[in-house]
Amino acid sequence: MRHFTLDEKLAQSGNRPTGFDYMRIGLSLAVVAMHSVITSHGVAAEIPLWTSPLRPYMRAILPMFFALSGFLVAGSLLRTPALSQFLGLRAIRVYPALVVEVFLSALVLGPLLTTLPLTAYFSDPVFRLYLLNVTGHIHFLLPGLFHDNPFPDTVNAQLWTVPYELICYIGLSALTLVGLRKRPWIAPAAVVAFSLVYLAARLIRHHGELPFILGGIPGSVLVISFLAGVSIFFYRDRLPWSLPLCVLSGVATALLLSVVPFGDYVVAPVAAYFTVALGVTNPRKLRFLQGADYSYGIYLYGFVIQQTLMAIFPWARIWWLNILLSVPAAALFAACSWHWVEKPALELRRYLVPRGKGAKTLQPEHSEAKPILQPVEPAVLPGRQTL
């Protein structure tokens, strides 16, 4: 029986599959659900989850999100003639919504909920440091905020992924400068090289031993997952797709993240294939998701909304009640972020990528001029570094 390639599976949906859309929103909501325990009950309650049957699902969220980002952003790279234009597109996707969230937290939420006098709040060096989040230099505290929460003091722990996302874009730009567009083998070579460097660094740091990683996936593995997603995009016309392969890669991902010793160190390519294999499917899209991407907004506002609800309503400090309250609130803020900030910012693309006469869509060098996937690309990814 002949298997489809990933590229042929994409072609069945006109290169606009809905699978990626559902994965973005699903992974974002999964992050909110995962954080319901720590924001409701504290770190001590969360630790047992990392050794429970939920372990592989919790640990797969971020590698899958980074792999998804790598696959889609690689398409953006090939559609953009100049590297400067590519970086400009990434900037208008990431920064406007991030800036708005940071200023809302610091200038609206902070003054409303701080336990300090406003003069002390605004003069505190911690306040000024928090504003640096708009640059990707991440700080988690605001003066006098959330001190009595089960997970105290932290305003938005999910922002820890922002620097790693920026590293991914910088790394992809560097690979482009050394010829990635004409030599796609550079991408999988970078996956292997980065993996070996990461393993060597861990061995050196831990005196020749590989430590067991109890909690979330380290940031370096997320960067490798991103590069694995990039690699799969470049070789999508050679990699097979079938339902059995999709299921097998999902099972392998779960095993590597749970029971296989040190599976964390090799999981990135497997998780990336599983992510793309799901993403290229094309289930019917719900009406409220058409033409919108709320995943970034849910990422940006989910944790801070949970912390706010736990501060204002102590009676709601139960994980399932936390989810019931925070998911609709995060979705509302995400919708506002998309329609009022993110979507208008994306209109700036016309100033970065010229259209009309002379404009063209670049194709991978080894393909046969096939259309390139063009769904809305994810921005910064959700999650929180644990333990």
Protein backbone atom coordinates (compact mmCIF):
# COMPACT_ATOMS: atom_id res chain seq x y z
CA MET A 1 0.00 0.00 0.00
CA ARG A 2 1.42 3.37 -1.03
CA HIS A 3 1.77 5.99 1.70
CA PHE A 4 1.18 9.67 1.18
CA THR A 5 4.06 12.02 1.77
CA LEU A 6 3.53 14.90 4.17
CA ASP A 7 3.52 17.21 1.17
CA GLU A 8 0.80 15.20 -0.57
CA LYS A 9 -1.25 15.22 2.62
CA LEU A 10 -0.92 19.00 2.68
CA ALA A 11 -2.03 19.22 -0.93
CA GLN A 12 -5.30 17.47 -0.07
CA SER A 13 -6.32 20.56 1.93
CA GLY A 14 -4.96 23.06 -0.59
CA ASN A 15 -1.94 23.55 1.67
CA ARG A 16 -4.19 25.09 4.34
CA PRO A 17 -4.89 22.24 6.79
CA THR A 18 -6.90 22.96 9.90
CA GLY A 19 -4.93 20.49 12.00
CA PHE A 20 -2.36 23.12 12.93
CA ASP A 21 -5.10 25.53 13.99
CA TYR A 22 -6.64 22.99 16.36
CA MET A 23 -3.22 22.03 17.70
CA ARG A 24 -2.32 25.63 18.52
CA ILE A 25 -5.51 26.28 20.43
CA GLY A 26 -5.46 22.85 22.05
CA LEU A 27 -1.88 23.15 23.26
CA SER A 28 -2.53 26.65 24.61
CA LEU A 29 -5.56 25.47 26.57
CA ALA A 30 -3.57 22.47 27.81
CA VAL A 31 -1.02 24.88 29.30
CA VAL A 32 -3.76 26.70 31.20
CA ALA A 33 -5.11 23.39 32.47
CA MET A 34 -1.63 22.23 33.50
CA HIS A 35 -0.99 25.44 35.42
CA SER A 36 -4.29 25.17 37.27
CA VAL A 37 -2.63 22.92 39.85
CA ILE A 38 0.33 25.11 40.72
CA THR A 39 -1.68 28.34 40.75
CA SER A 40 -4.41 26.76 42.91
CA HIS A 41 -2.37 24.59 45.27
CA GLY A 42 1.30 25.52 44.93
CA VAL A 43 4.50 23.72 43.88
CA ALA A 44 4.10 20.87 46.38
CA ALA A 45 0.86 19.81 44.72
CA GLU A 46 2.32 19.98 41.23
CA ILE A 47 5.37 17.79 41.80
CA PRO A 48 3.43 14.49 42.00
CA LEU A 49 1.93 15.19 38.56
CA TRP A 50 5.35 14.81 36.98
CA THR A 51 5.49 11.17 38.08
CA SER A 52 1.81 10.43 37.43
CA PRO A 53 0.23 9.00 34.23
CA LEU A 54 -0.13 12.63 33.10
CA ARG A 55 3.65 12.98 32.83
CA PRO A 56 4.06 12.28 29.06
CA TYR A 57 1.14 14.56 28.13
CA MET A 58 2.38 17.46 30.25
CA ARG A 59 5.94 17.13 28.99
CA ALA A 60 4.93 16.86 25.32
CA ILE A 61 3.16 20.24 25.18
CA LEU A 62 6.16 22.50 24.70
CA PRO A 63 8.25 20.31 22.36
CA MET A 64 5.18 19.97 20.15
CA PHE A 65 4.51 23.69 20.19
CA PHE A 66 8.12 24.50 19.26
CA ALA A 67 8.13 21.87 16.52
CA LEU A 68 4.88 23.30 15.14
CA SER A 69 6.43 26.76 15.19
CA GLY A 70 9.55 25.51 13.37
CA PHE A 71 7.53 23.86 10.60
CA LEU A 72 5.35 26.91 9.95
CA VAL A 73 8.06 29.52 10.37
CA ALA A 74 10.23 27.66 7.85
CA GLY A 75 7.44 28.27 5.35
CA SER A 76 7.51 31.96 6.21
CA LEU A 77 11.25 32.00 5.63
CA LEU A 78 10.91 30.55 2.14
CA ARG A 79 8.10 32.93 1.21
CA THR A 80 10.21 35.93 2.21
CA PRO A 81 12.95 36.95 -0.25
CA ALA A 82 15.12 38.88 2.23
CA LEU A 83 16.21 37.79 5.69
CA SER A 84 15.53 41.30 7.01
CA GLN A 85 11.92 40.96 5.87
CA PHE A 86 11.62 37.60 7.59
CA LEU A 87 12.87 39.04 10.87
CA GLY A 88 10.50 41.98 10.47
CA LEU A 89 7.59 39.57 10.08
CA ARG A 90 8.60 37.71 13.22
CA ALA A 91 8.85 41.00 15.12
CA ILE A 92 5.35 42.19 14.20
CA ARG A 93 3.96 38.78 15.15
CA VAL A 94 5.66 38.60 18.54
CA TYR A 95 6.19 42.04 20.01
CA PRO A 96 2.97 44.12 19.71
CA ALA A 97 0.85 41.69 21.74
CA LEU A 98 3.70 41.08 24.19
CA VAL A 99 4.16 44.81 24.78
CA VAL A 100 0.44 45.31 25.41
CA GLU A 101 0.31 42.41 27.89
CA VAL A 102 3.37 43.62 29.79
CA PHE A 103 2.04 47.17 30.07
CA LEU A 104 -1.43 46.00 31.12
CA SER A 105 0.14 43.87 33.85
CA ALA A 106 2.50 46.58 35.06
CA LEU A 107 0.35 49.70 34.65
CA VAL A 108 -3.19 48.40 35.28
CA LEU A 109 -3.20 45.11 37.17
CA GLY A 110 -0.23 45.96 39.37
CA PRO A 111 -1.58 49.27 40.72
CA LEU A 112 -4.99 47.67 41.34
CA LEU A 113 -3.74 44.65 43.30
CA THR A 114 -0.41 45.68 44.84
CA THR A 115 -0.20 45.73 48.62
CA LEU A 116 2.23 48.67 48.46
CA PRO A 117 1.42 52.39 48.24
CA LEU A 118 1.42 53.46 44.60
CA THR A 119 4.45 55.72 45.08
CA ALA A 120 6.40 52.76 46.45
CA TYR A 121 5.11 50.50 43.67
CA PHE A 122 6.19 52.75 40.81
CA SER A 123 9.53 53.67 42.40
CA ASP A 124 10.51 50.07 43.12
CA PRO A 125 13.36 48.79 40.86
CA VAL A 126 11.39 45.54 40.43
CA PHE A 127 8.71 47.50 38.55
CA ARG A 128 11.24 48.87 36.09
CA LEU A 129 12.80 45.45 35.60
CA TYR A 130 9.42 43.97 34.72
CA LEU A 131 9.08 46.44 31.86
CA LEU A 132 12.16 44.86 30.29
CA ASN A 133 9.94 41.91 29.39
CA VAL A 134 9.01 43.80 26.22
CA THR A 135 12.59 43.24 25.01
CA GLY A 136 12.64 39.51 25.74
CA HIS A 137 14.71 40.00 28.91
CA ILE A 138 12.27 38.24 31.23
CA HIS A 139 11.40 39.12 34.82
CA PHE A 140 8.51 37.58 36.72
CA LEU A 141 7.87 39.90 39.68
CA LEU A 142 5.92 43.08 40.28
CA PRO A 143 6.13 44.88 43.65
CA GLY A 144 3.59 43.68 46.20
CA LEU A 145 1.72 41.42 43.78
CA PHE A 146 0.43 37.90 44.52
CA HIS A 147 2.52 37.48 47.66
CA ASP A 148 -0.20 35.43 49.40
CA ASN A 149 -1.06 33.23 46.41
CA PRO A 150 -0.38 29.47 46.55
CA PHE A 151 2.33 30.14 43.95
CA PRO A 152 3.55 33.41 45.42
CA ASP A 153 4.91 36.59 43.83
CA THR A 154 5.12 35.37 40.21
CA VAL A 155 3.05 37.40 37.74
CA ASN A 156 3.46 35.52 34.46
CA ALA A 157 5.68 32.44 34.64
CA GLN A 158 4.93 31.46 31.04
CA LEU A 159 7.18 34.19 29.72
CA TRP A 160 10.21 31.97 30.38
CA THR A 161 9.82 30.57 26.83
CA VAL A 162 10.23 33.97 25.14
CA PRO A 163 14.06 33.99 25.10
CA TYR A 164 14.13 30.48 23.65
CA GLU A 165 11.74 31.47 20.88
CA LEU A 166 13.99 34.40 20.06
CA ILE A 167 16.99 32.05 20.04
CA CYS A 168 15.11 29.88 17.53
CA TYR A 169 14.61 32.83 15.18
CA ILE A 170 18.22 33.92 15.53
CA GLY A 171 19.42 30.37 14.93
CA LEU A 172 17.23 29.98 11.85
CA SER A 173 18.55 33.28 10.53
CA ALA A 174 22.11 32.07 11.05
CA LEU A 175 21.37 28.84 9.16
CA THR A 176 19.88 30.91 6.35
CA LEU A 177 23.06 32.99 6.11
CA VAL A 178 25.12 29.82 5.63
CA GLY A 179 22.88 28.60 2.82
CA LEU A 180 19.85 26.77 4.28
CA ARG A 181 17.58 27.76 1.38
CA LYS A 182 19.84 26.06 -1.18
CA ARG A 183 21.17 23.30 1.08
CA PRO A 184 18.27 22.02 3.21
CA TRP A 185 20.44 19.28 4.72
CA ILE A 186 21.81 22.04 6.97
CA ALA A 187 18.64 21.90 9.08
CA PRO A 188 18.83 18.22 10.16
CA ALA A 189 22.60 18.62 10.54
CA ALA A 190 21.90 21.46 12.96
CA VAL A 191 19.51 19.20 14.91
CA VAL A 192 22.24 16.58 15.30
CA ALA A 193 24.93 19.14 16.14
CA PHE A 194 22.80 21.01 18.67
CA SER A 195 21.75 17.71 20.28
CA LEU A 196 25.36 16.60 20.65
CA VAL A 197 26.40 19.94 22.10
CA TYR A 198 23.49 19.81 24.55
CA LEU A 199 24.37 16.27 25.63
CA ALA A 200 28.03 17.18 26.05
CA ALA A 201 27.15 20.25 28.09
CA ARG A 202 24.89 18.21 30.39
CA LEU A 203 27.58 15.55 30.84
CA ILE A 204 30.21 18.14 31.68
CA ARG A 205 27.92 20.00 34.05
CA HIS A 206 26.94 16.81 35.88
CA HIS A 207 30.39 15.19 35.96
CA GLY A 208 29.84 12.53 33.31
CA GLU A 209 26.29 11.58 34.24
CA LEU A 210 22.98 12.42 32.61
CA PRO A 211 20.50 13.60 35.24
CA PHE A 212 16.89 12.44 35.31
CA ILE A 213 14.65 15.39 34.43
CA LEU A 214 11.65 15.25 36.74
CA GLY A 215 9.67 18.27 35.58
CA GLY A 216 9.25 20.19 32.35
CA ILE A 217 11.41 19.99 29.25
CA PRO A 218 14.58 22.16 29.30
CA GLY A 219 14.78 25.13 26.97
CA SER A 220 17.59 23.62 24.90
CA VAL A 221 15.37 20.67 23.94
CA LEU A 222 12.73 23.15 22.81
CA VAL A 223 15.22 24.79 20.44
CA ILE A 224 16.11 21.35 19.06
CA SER A 225 12.39 20.65 18.61
CA PHE A 226 12.04 23.88 16.64
CA LEU A 227 14.94 22.90 14.37
CA ALA A 228 13.41 19.45 13.93
CA GLY A 229 10.19 21.11 12.77
CA VAL A 230 12.21 23.20 10.30
CA SER A 231 13.90 20.03 9.01
CA ILE A 232 10.59 18.27 8.47
CA PHE A 233 9.31 21.23 6.47
CA PHE A 234 12.25 21.10 4.09
CA TYR A 235 11.87 17.33 3.59
CA ARG A 236 8.10 17.14 3.69
CA ASP A 237 8.00 15.83 0.10
CA ARG A 238 10.15 12.86 1.12
CA LEU A 239 8.73 11.96 4.53
CA PRO A 240 5.75 9.57 4.53
CA TRP A 241 2.40 10.17 6.19
CA SER A 242 -0.02 7.49 7.30
CA LEU A 243 -2.31 6.97 10.24
CA PRO A 244 -0.23 4.06 11.63
CA LEU A 245 2.94 6.17 11.43
CA CYS A 246 1.15 9.05 13.17
CA VAL A 247 -0.02 6.75 15.98
CA LEU A 248 3.39 5.09 16.27
CA SER A 249 5.19 8.43 16.55
CA GLY A 250 2.71 9.57 19.21
CA VAL A 251 3.25 6.42 21.27
CA ALA A 252 7.03 6.75 20.86
CA THR A 253 6.88 10.38 22.01
CA ALA A 254 4.89 9.41 25.11
CA LEU A 255 7.32 6.60 25.96
CA LEU A 256 10.40 8.77 25.46
CA LEU A 257 8.95 11.41 27.75
CA SER A 258 7.88 9.01 30.48
CA VAL A 259 9.40 5.54 30.82
CA VAL A 260 12.40 5.37 28.47
CA PRO A 261 15.54 6.32 30.44
CA PHE A 262 16.88 9.69 29.28
CA GLY A 263 14.35 9.79 26.47
CA ASP A 264 14.22 13.57 26.87
CA TYR A 265 17.54 13.83 25.09
CA VAL A 266 16.35 12.23 21.83
CA VAL A 267 12.63 13.00 21.80
CA ALA A 268 12.69 16.17 19.68
CA PRO A 269 12.68 14.63 16.14
CA VAL A 270 10.02 12.06 17.09
CA ALA A 271 7.78 14.64 18.74
CA ALA A 272 8.27 16.95 15.75
CA TYR A 273 7.13 14.30 13.29
CA PHE A 274 4.08 13.49 15.45
CA THR A 275 3.22 17.18 15.61
CA VAL A 276 3.43 17.71 11.86
CA ALA A 277 1.62 14.44 11.13
CA LEU A 278 -1.31 15.70 13.20
CA GLY A 279 -1.02 19.22 11.86
CA VAL A 280 -1.41 18.28 8.21
CA THR A 281 -4.79 16.67 8.85
CA ASN A 282 -7.81 18.70 7.89
CA PRO A 283 -10.83 18.34 10.19
CA ARG A 284 -13.70 20.75 9.71
CA LYS A 285 -12.91 24.11 11.23
CA LEU A 286 -15.25 25.62 13.80
CA ARG A 287 -16.73 28.95 12.82
CA PHE A 288 -15.31 30.92 15.76
CA LEU A 289 -11.76 29.90 14.81
CA GLN A 290 -12.01 30.93 11.17
CA GLY A 291 -9.60 33.73 10.33
CA ALA A 292 -8.27 33.99 13.88
CA ASP A 293 -5.45 32.63 16.02
CA TYR A 294 -6.22 32.95 19.72
CA SER A 295 -3.40 30.68 20.90
CA TYR A 296 -0.86 33.48 21.44
CA GLY A 297 -3.31 35.51 23.50
CA ILE A 298 -4.20 32.52 25.65
CA TYR A 299 -0.49 32.00 26.20
CA LEU A 300 0.14 35.62 27.11
CA TYR A 301 -2.78 36.08 29.49
CA GLY A 302 -3.50 32.59 30.83
CA PHE A 303 -1.11 32.50 33.78
CA VAL A 304 -1.58 36.08 34.92
CA ILE A 305 -5.36 35.60 34.79
CA GLN A 306 -5.05 32.47 36.92
CA GLN A 307 -2.90 34.29 39.46
CA THR A 308 -5.35 37.19 39.55
CA LEU A 309 -8.36 34.94 40.09
CA MET A 310 -6.59 33.04 42.85
CA ALA A 311 -5.74 36.35 44.57
CA ILE A 312 -9.25 37.83 44.32
CA PHE A 313 -11.25 34.64 44.93
CA PRO A 314 -9.48 32.40 47.48
CA TRP A 315 -12.52 30.10 47.46
CA ALA A 316 -11.69 29.24 43.84
CA ARG A 317 -8.34 27.66 44.71
CA ILE A 318 -9.38 24.25 43.39
CA TRP A 319 -7.77 23.09 40.16
CA TRP A 320 -10.97 22.26 38.28
CA LEU A 321 -12.69 25.46 39.41
CA ASN A 322 -9.56 27.35 38.36
CA ILE A 323 -9.94 25.91 34.84
CA LEU A 324 -13.65 26.73 34.65
CA LEU A 325 -12.97 30.37 35.52
CA SER A 326 -9.66 31.02 33.80
CA VAL A 327 -10.27 29.43 30.38
CA PRO A 328 -13.21 31.70 29.42
CA ALA A 329 -11.38 34.75 30.78
CA ALA A 330 -8.21 33.88 28.88
CA ALA A 331 -10.22 33.26 25.71
CA LEU A 332 -11.87 36.68 26.06
CA PHE A 333 -8.53 38.44 26.46
CA ALA A 334 -7.09 36.39 23.60
CA ALA A 335 -9.93 37.46 21.30
CA CYS A 336 -9.37 41.10 22.21
CA SER A 337 -5.63 40.68 21.67
CA TRP A 338 -6.16 39.12 18.25
CA HIS A 339 -8.73 41.58 16.91
CA TRP A 340 -7.33 44.76 18.45
CA VAL A 341 -3.58 44.15 18.52
CA GLU A 342 -2.27 41.10 16.67
CA LYS A 343 -4.39 41.24 13.53
CA PRO A 344 -3.86 45.00 13.00
CA ALA A 345 -0.13 44.49 13.56
CA LEU A 346 -0.08 41.79 10.89
CA GLU A 347 -1.42 44.36 8.41
CA LEU A 348 2.05 45.88 8.55
CA ARG A 349 3.25 42.95 6.45
CA ARG A 350 2.49 44.89 3.29
CA TYR A 351 5.28 47.31 4.18
CA LEU A 352 7.76 44.47 4.63
CA VAL A 353 6.94 42.11 1.77
CA PRO A 354 6.25 43.84 -1.57
CA ARG A 355 3.36 42.51 -3.60
CA GLY A 356 2.46 42.88 -7.23
CA LYS A 357 4.90 42.86 -10.13
CA GLY A 358 8.12 41.12 -9.28
CA ALA A 359 6.86 39.59 -6.06
CA LYS A 360 7.21 35.82 -5.84
CA THR A 361 6.92 32.91 -3.46
CA LEU A 362 10.16 31.06 -2.91
CA GLN A 363 10.16 27.28 -2.98
CA PRO A 364 12.54 24.79 -1.36
CA GLU A 365 15.37 23.98 -3.73
CA HIS A 366 14.77 20.23 -3.73
CA SER A 367 11.01 20.40 -4.34
CA GLU A 368 9.13 20.68 -7.60
CA ALA A 369 7.76 24.19 -7.13
CA LYS A 370 4.89 23.05 -4.94
CA PRO A 371 2.76 25.54 -2.99
CA ILE A 372 4.00 26.37 0.47
CA LEU A 373 1.86 26.03 3.57
CA GLN A 374 0.44 29.38 4.60
CA PRO A 375 -1.63 29.22 7.83
CA VAL A 376 -1.22 31.94 10.45
CA GLU A 377 2.07 31.23 12.16
CA PRO A 378 2.42 30.89 15.93
CA ALA A 379 4.33 33.46 17.89
CA VAL A 380 5.90 32.91 21.28
CA LEU A 381 5.08 29.59 22.83
CA PRO A 382 3.29 28.75 26.02
CA GLY A 383 4.57 27.00 29.07
CA ARG A 384 6.58 27.33 32.21
CA GLN A 385 9.95 25.89 33.10
CA THR A 386 9.46 23.63 36.09
CA LEU A 387 12.01 22.23 38.46
